[in-house]
Amino acid sequence: MDKWVCTACGYVYDPELGDPDSGIAPGTPWEEVPEDWVCPLCGVGKDSFEIM
């Protein structure tokens, strides 16, 4: 699975890890992350992420 990086702060969303603190289970692909999810470090939206 592809990883996605926040262009604002450098946080990397790794689908294998998910974002359990935000309710995103490990194994959740980027396409299934809700559109209202925000970067856990800086708070920007999914539109500020790009594929690594």
PDB file of N, CA and C in Angstrom:
ATOM      1  N   MET A   1       0.850  -1.193   0.000  1.00  0.00           N
ATOM      2  CA  MET A   1       0.000   0.000   0.000  1.00  0.00           C
ATOM      3  C   MET A   1       0.888   1.246   0.000  1.00  0.00           C
ATOM      4  N   ASP A   2       0.398   2.265  -0.697  1.00  0.00           N
ATOM      5  CA  ASP A   2       1.141   3.515  -0.780  1.00  0.00           C
ATOM      6  C   ASP A   2       1.029   4.312   0.503  1.00  0.00           C
ATOM      7  N   LYS A   3       2.092   5.037   0.814  1.00  0.00           N
ATOM      8  CA  LYS A   3       2.090   5.961   1.943  1.00  0.00           C
ATOM      9  C   LYS A   3       1.831   7.360   1.415  1.00  0.00           C
ATOM     10  N   TRP A   4       1.255   8.198   2.246  1.00  0.00           N
ATOM     11  CA  TRP A   4       0.916   9.567   1.882  1.00  0.00           C
ATOM     12  C   TRP A   4       1.565  10.521   2.870  1.00  0.00           C
ATOM     13  N   VAL A   5       2.112  11.633   2.379  1.00  0.00           N
ATOM     14  CA  VAL A   5       2.817  12.582   3.236  1.00  0.00           C
ATOM     15  C   VAL A   5       2.089  13.924   3.246  1.00  0.00           C
ATOM     16  N   CYS A   6       2.021  14.523   4.424  1.00  0.00           N
ATOM     17  CA  CYS A   6       1.420  15.842   4.587  1.00  0.00           C
ATOM     18  C   CYS A   6       2.410  16.879   4.058  1.00  0.00           C
ATOM     19  N   THR A   7       1.967  17.696   3.108  1.00  0.00           N
ATOM     20  CA  THR A   7       2.857  18.692   2.528  1.00  0.00           C
ATOM     21  C   THR A   7       3.086  19.869   3.473  1.00  0.00           C
ATOM     22  N   ALA A   8       2.270  19.973   4.522  1.00  0.00           N
ATOM     23  CA  ALA A   8       2.421  21.073   5.475  1.00  0.00           C
ATOM     24  C   ALA A   8       3.437  20.769   6.577  1.00  0.00           C
ATOM     25  N   CYS A   9       3.431  19.505   7.067  1.00  0.00           N
ATOM     26  CA  CYS A   9       4.290  19.212   8.225  1.00  0.00           C
ATOM     27  C   CYS A   9       5.167  17.976   8.077  1.00  0.00           C
ATOM     28  N   GLY A  10       4.931  17.168   7.050  1.00  0.00           N
ATOM     29  CA  GLY A  10       5.752  15.982   6.835  1.00  0.00           C
ATOM     30  C   GLY A  10       5.236  14.707   7.479  1.00  0.00           C
ATOM     31  N   TYR A  11       4.091  14.760   8.162  1.00  0.00           N
ATOM     32  CA  TYR A  11       3.507  13.547   8.738  1.00  0.00           C
ATOM     33  C   TYR A  11       3.249  12.541   7.622  1.00  0.00           C
ATOM     34  N   VAL A  12       3.545  11.286   7.888  1.00  0.00           N
ATOM     35  CA  VAL A  12       3.316  10.239   6.893  1.00  0.00           C
ATOM     36  C   VAL A  12       2.161   9.347   7.346  1.00  0.00           C
ATOM     37  N   TYR A  13       1.139   9.241   6.473  1.00  0.00           N
ATOM     38  CA  TYR A  13       0.058   8.289   6.732  1.00  0.00           C
ATOM     39  C   TYR A  13       0.467   6.971   6.107  1.00  0.00           C
ATOM     40  N   ASP A  14       0.633   5.974   6.956  1.00  0.00           N
ATOM     41  CA  ASP A  14       0.986   4.621   6.523  1.00  0.00           C
ATOM     42  C   ASP A  14      -0.247   3.748   6.692  1.00  0.00           C
ATOM     43  N   PRO A  15      -0.832   3.264   5.600  1.00  0.00           N
ATOM     44  CA  PRO A  15      -2.046   2.449   5.704  1.00  0.00           C
ATOM     45  C   PRO A  15      -1.884   1.220   6.587  1.00  0.00           C
ATOM     46  N   GLU A  16      -0.683   0.675   6.664  1.00  0.00           N
ATOM     47  CA  GLU A  16      -0.467  -0.503   7.510  1.00  0.00           C
ATOM     48  C   GLU A  16      -0.643  -0.164   8.982  1.00  0.00           C
ATOM     49  N   LEU A  17      -0.369   1.088   9.358  1.00  0.00           N
ATOM     50  CA  LEU A  17      -0.510   1.524  10.746  1.00  0.00           C
ATOM     51  C   LEU A  17      -1.848   2.197  11.014  1.00  0.00           C
ATOM     52  N   GLY A  18      -2.416   2.836   9.985  1.00  0.00           N
ATOM     53  CA  GLY A  18      -3.645   3.595  10.165  1.00  0.00           C
ATOM     54  C   GLY A  18      -3.401   4.801  11.063  1.00  0.00           C
ATOM     55  N   ASP A  19      -4.432   5.270  11.716  1.00  0.00           N
ATOM     56  CA  ASP A  19      -4.352   6.366  12.690  1.00  0.00           C
ATOM     57  C   ASP A  19      -5.339   6.034  13.803  1.00  0.00           C
ATOM     58  N   PRO A  20      -4.997   5.030  14.629  1.00  0.00           N
ATOM     59  CA  PRO A  20      -5.933   4.565  15.658  1.00  0.00           C
ATOM     60  C   PRO A  20      -6.443   5.661  16.588  1.00  0.00           C
ATOM     61  N   ASP A  21      -5.611   6.671  16.873  1.00  0.00           N
ATOM     62  CA  ASP A  21      -6.043   7.758  17.752  1.00  0.00           C
ATOM     63  C   ASP A  21      -7.192   8.564  17.145  1.00  0.00           C
ATOM     64  N   SER A  22      -7.311   8.510  15.819  1.00  0.00           N
ATOM     65  CA  SER A  22      -8.391   9.218  15.120  1.00  0.00           C
ATOM     66  C   SER A  22      -9.465   8.266  14.608  1.00  0.00           C
ATOM     67  N   GLY A  23      -9.408   7.005  15.040  1.00  0.00           N
ATOM     68  CA  GLY A  23     -10.423   6.035  14.664  1.00  0.00           C
ATOM     69  C   GLY A  23     -10.191   5.360  13.323  1.00  0.00           C
ATOM     70  N   ILE A  24      -8.979   5.480  12.767  1.00  0.00           N
ATOM     71  CA  ILE A  24      -8.657   4.841  11.485  1.00  0.00           C
ATOM     72  C   ILE A  24      -7.867   3.567  11.803  1.00  0.00           C
ATOM     73  N   ALA A  25      -8.474   2.430  11.546  1.00  0.00           N
ATOM     74  CA  ALA A  25      -7.880   1.144  11.909  1.00  0.00           C
ATOM     75  C   ALA A  25      -6.658   0.824  11.049  1.00  0.00           C
ATOM     76  N   PRO A  26      -5.701   0.086  11.611  1.00  0.00           N
ATOM     77  CA  PRO A  26      -4.584  -0.398  10.796  1.00  0.00           C
ATOM     78  C   PRO A  26      -5.115  -1.184   9.601  1.00  0.00           C
ATOM     79  N   GLY A  27      -4.456  -1.016   8.455  1.00  0.00           N
ATOM     80  CA  GLY A  27      -4.876  -1.687   7.242  1.00  0.00           C
ATOM     81  C   GLY A  27      -5.859  -0.882   6.398  1.00  0.00           C
ATOM     82  N   THR A  28      -6.191   0.345   6.832  1.00  0.00           N
ATOM     83  CA  THR A  28      -7.141   1.175   6.093  1.00  0.00           C
ATOM     84  C   THR A  28      -6.426   1.900   4.953  1.00  0.00           C
ATOM     85  N   PRO A  29      -6.782   1.582   3.700  1.00  0.00           N
ATOM     86  CA  PRO A  29      -6.152   2.283   2.575  1.00  0.00           C
ATOM     87  C   PRO A  29      -6.583   3.750   2.533  1.00  0.00           C
ATOM     88  N   TRP A  30      -5.743   4.569   1.925  1.00  0.00           N
ATOM     89  CA  TRP A  30      -5.990   6.014   1.849  1.00  0.00           C
ATOM     90  C   TRP A  30      -7.383   6.326   1.295  1.00  0.00           C
ATOM     91  N   GLU A  31      -7.804   5.573   0.297  1.00  0.00           N
ATOM     92  CA  GLU A  31      -9.086   5.828  -0.333  1.00  0.00           C
ATOM     93  C   GLU A  31     -10.261   5.652   0.629  1.00  0.00           C
ATOM     94  N   GLU A  32     -10.059   4.873   1.699  1.00  0.00           N
ATOM     95  CA  GLU A  32     -11.136   4.631   2.662  1.00  0.00           C
ATOM     96  C   GLU A  32     -11.052   5.531   3.901  1.00  0.00           C
ATOM     97  N   VAL A  33     -10.012   6.366   3.973  1.00  0.00           N
ATOM     98  CA  VAL A  33      -9.922   7.341   5.066  1.00  0.00           C
ATOM     99  C   VAL A  33     -10.990   8.400   4.795  1.00  0.00           C
ATOM    100  N   PRO A  34     -11.826   8.718   5.789  1.00  0.00           N
ATOM    101  CA  PRO A  34     -12.916   9.682   5.571  1.00  0.00           C
ATOM    102  C   PRO A  34     -12.399  11.037   5.066  1.00  0.00           C
ATOM    103  N   GLU A  35     -13.198  11.680   4.239  1.00  0.00           N
ATOM    104  CA  GLU A  35     -12.801  12.973   3.662  1.00  0.00           C
ATOM    105  C   GLU A  35     -12.639  14.060   4.729  1.00  0.00           C
ATOM    106  N   ASP A  36     -13.295  13.898   5.886  1.00  0.00           N
ATOM    107  CA  ASP A  36     -13.179  14.915   6.930  1.00  0.00           C
ATOM    108  C   ASP A  36     -12.032  14.640   7.909  1.00  0.00           C
ATOM    109  N   TRP A  37     -11.245  13.589   7.646  1.00  0.00           N
ATOM    110  CA  TRP A  37     -10.072  13.294   8.476  1.00  0.00           C
ATOM    111  C   TRP A  37      -9.058  14.410   8.290  1.00  0.00           C
ATOM    112  N   VAL A  38      -8.322  14.732   9.356  1.00  0.00           N
ATOM    113  CA  VAL A  38      -7.280  15.765   9.280  1.00  0.00           C
ATOM    114  C   VAL A  38      -5.965  15.212   9.807  1.00  0.00           C
ATOM    115  N   CYS A  39      -4.881  15.813   9.379  1.00  0.00           N
ATOM    116  CA  CYS A  39      -3.554  15.416   9.833  1.00  0.00           C
ATOM    117  C   CYS A  39      -3.501  15.506  11.359  1.00  0.00           C
ATOM    118  N   PRO A  40      -3.061  14.434  12.019  1.00  0.00           N
ATOM    119  CA  PRO A  40      -3.034  14.451  13.479  1.00  0.00           C
ATOM    120  C   PRO A  40      -1.973  15.389  14.056  1.00  0.00           C
ATOM    121  N   LEU A  41      -1.027  15.828  13.254  1.00  0.00           N
ATOM    122  CA  LEU A  41       0.007  16.739  13.757  1.00  0.00           C
ATOM    123  C   LEU A  41      -0.326  18.210  13.533  1.00  0.00           C
ATOM    124  N   CYS A  42      -0.835  18.553  12.339  1.00  0.00           N
ATOM    125  CA  CYS A  42      -1.025  19.977  12.045  1.00  0.00           C
ATOM    126  C   CYS A  42      -2.460  20.372  11.703  1.00  0.00           C
ATOM    127  N   GLY A  43      -3.344  19.381  11.498  1.00  0.00           N
ATOM    128  CA  GLY A  43      -4.755  19.670  11.305  1.00  0.00           C
ATOM    129  C   GLY A  43      -5.215  20.001   9.902  1.00  0.00           C
ATOM    130  N   VAL A  44      -4.338  19.885   8.892  1.00  0.00           N
ATOM    131  CA  VAL A  44      -4.793  20.142   7.525  1.00  0.00           C
ATOM    132  C   VAL A  44      -5.580  18.942   7.007  1.00  0.00           C
ATOM    133  N   GLY A  45      -6.356  19.149   5.952  1.00  0.00           N
ATOM    134  CA  GLY A  45      -7.192  18.100   5.399  1.00  0.00           C
ATOM    135  C   GLY A  45      -6.465  17.173   4.439  1.00  0.00           C
ATOM    136  N   LYS A  46      -7.196  16.157   3.982  1.00  0.00           N
ATOM    137  CA  LYS A  46      -6.631  15.156   3.066  1.00  0.00           C
ATOM    138  C   LYS A  46      -6.099  15.779   1.778  1.00  0.00           C
ATOM    139  N   ASP A  47      -6.642  16.908   1.378  1.00  0.00           N
ATOM    140  CA  ASP A  47      -6.201  17.534   0.130  1.00  0.00           C
ATOM    141  C   ASP A  47      -4.784  18.089   0.219  1.00  0.00           C
ATOM    142  N   SER A  48      -4.233  18.126   1.439  1.00  0.00           N
ATOM    143  CA  SER A  48      -2.859  18.605   1.624  1.00  0.00           C
ATOM    144  C   SER A  48      -1.852  17.456   1.677  1.00  0.00           C
ATOM    145  N   PHE A  49      -2.277  16.250   1.328  1.00  0.00           N
ATOM    146  CA  PHE A  49      -1.395  15.093   1.314  1.00  0.00           C
ATOM    147  C   PHE A  49      -1.079  14.701  -0.117  1.00  0.00           C
ATOM    148  N   GLU A  50       0.133  14.178  -0.304  1.00  0.00           N
ATOM    149  CA  GLU A  50       0.493  13.636  -1.615  1.00  0.00           C
ATOM    150  C   GLU A  50       1.146  12.273  -1.433  1.00  0.00           C
ATOM    151  N   ILE A  51       1.041  11.475  -2.481  1.00  0.00           N
ATOM    152  CA  ILE A  51       1.599  10.126  -2.432  1.00  0.00           C
ATOM    153  C   ILE A  51       3.118  10.200  -2.372  1.00  0.00           C
ATOM    154  N   MET A  52       3.698   9.281  -1.612  1.00  0.00           N
ATOM    155  CA  MET A  52       5.162   9.235  -1.515  1.00  0.00           C
ATOM    156  C   MET A  52       5.744   8.424  -2.646  1.00  0.00           C
TER     157      MET A  52
END
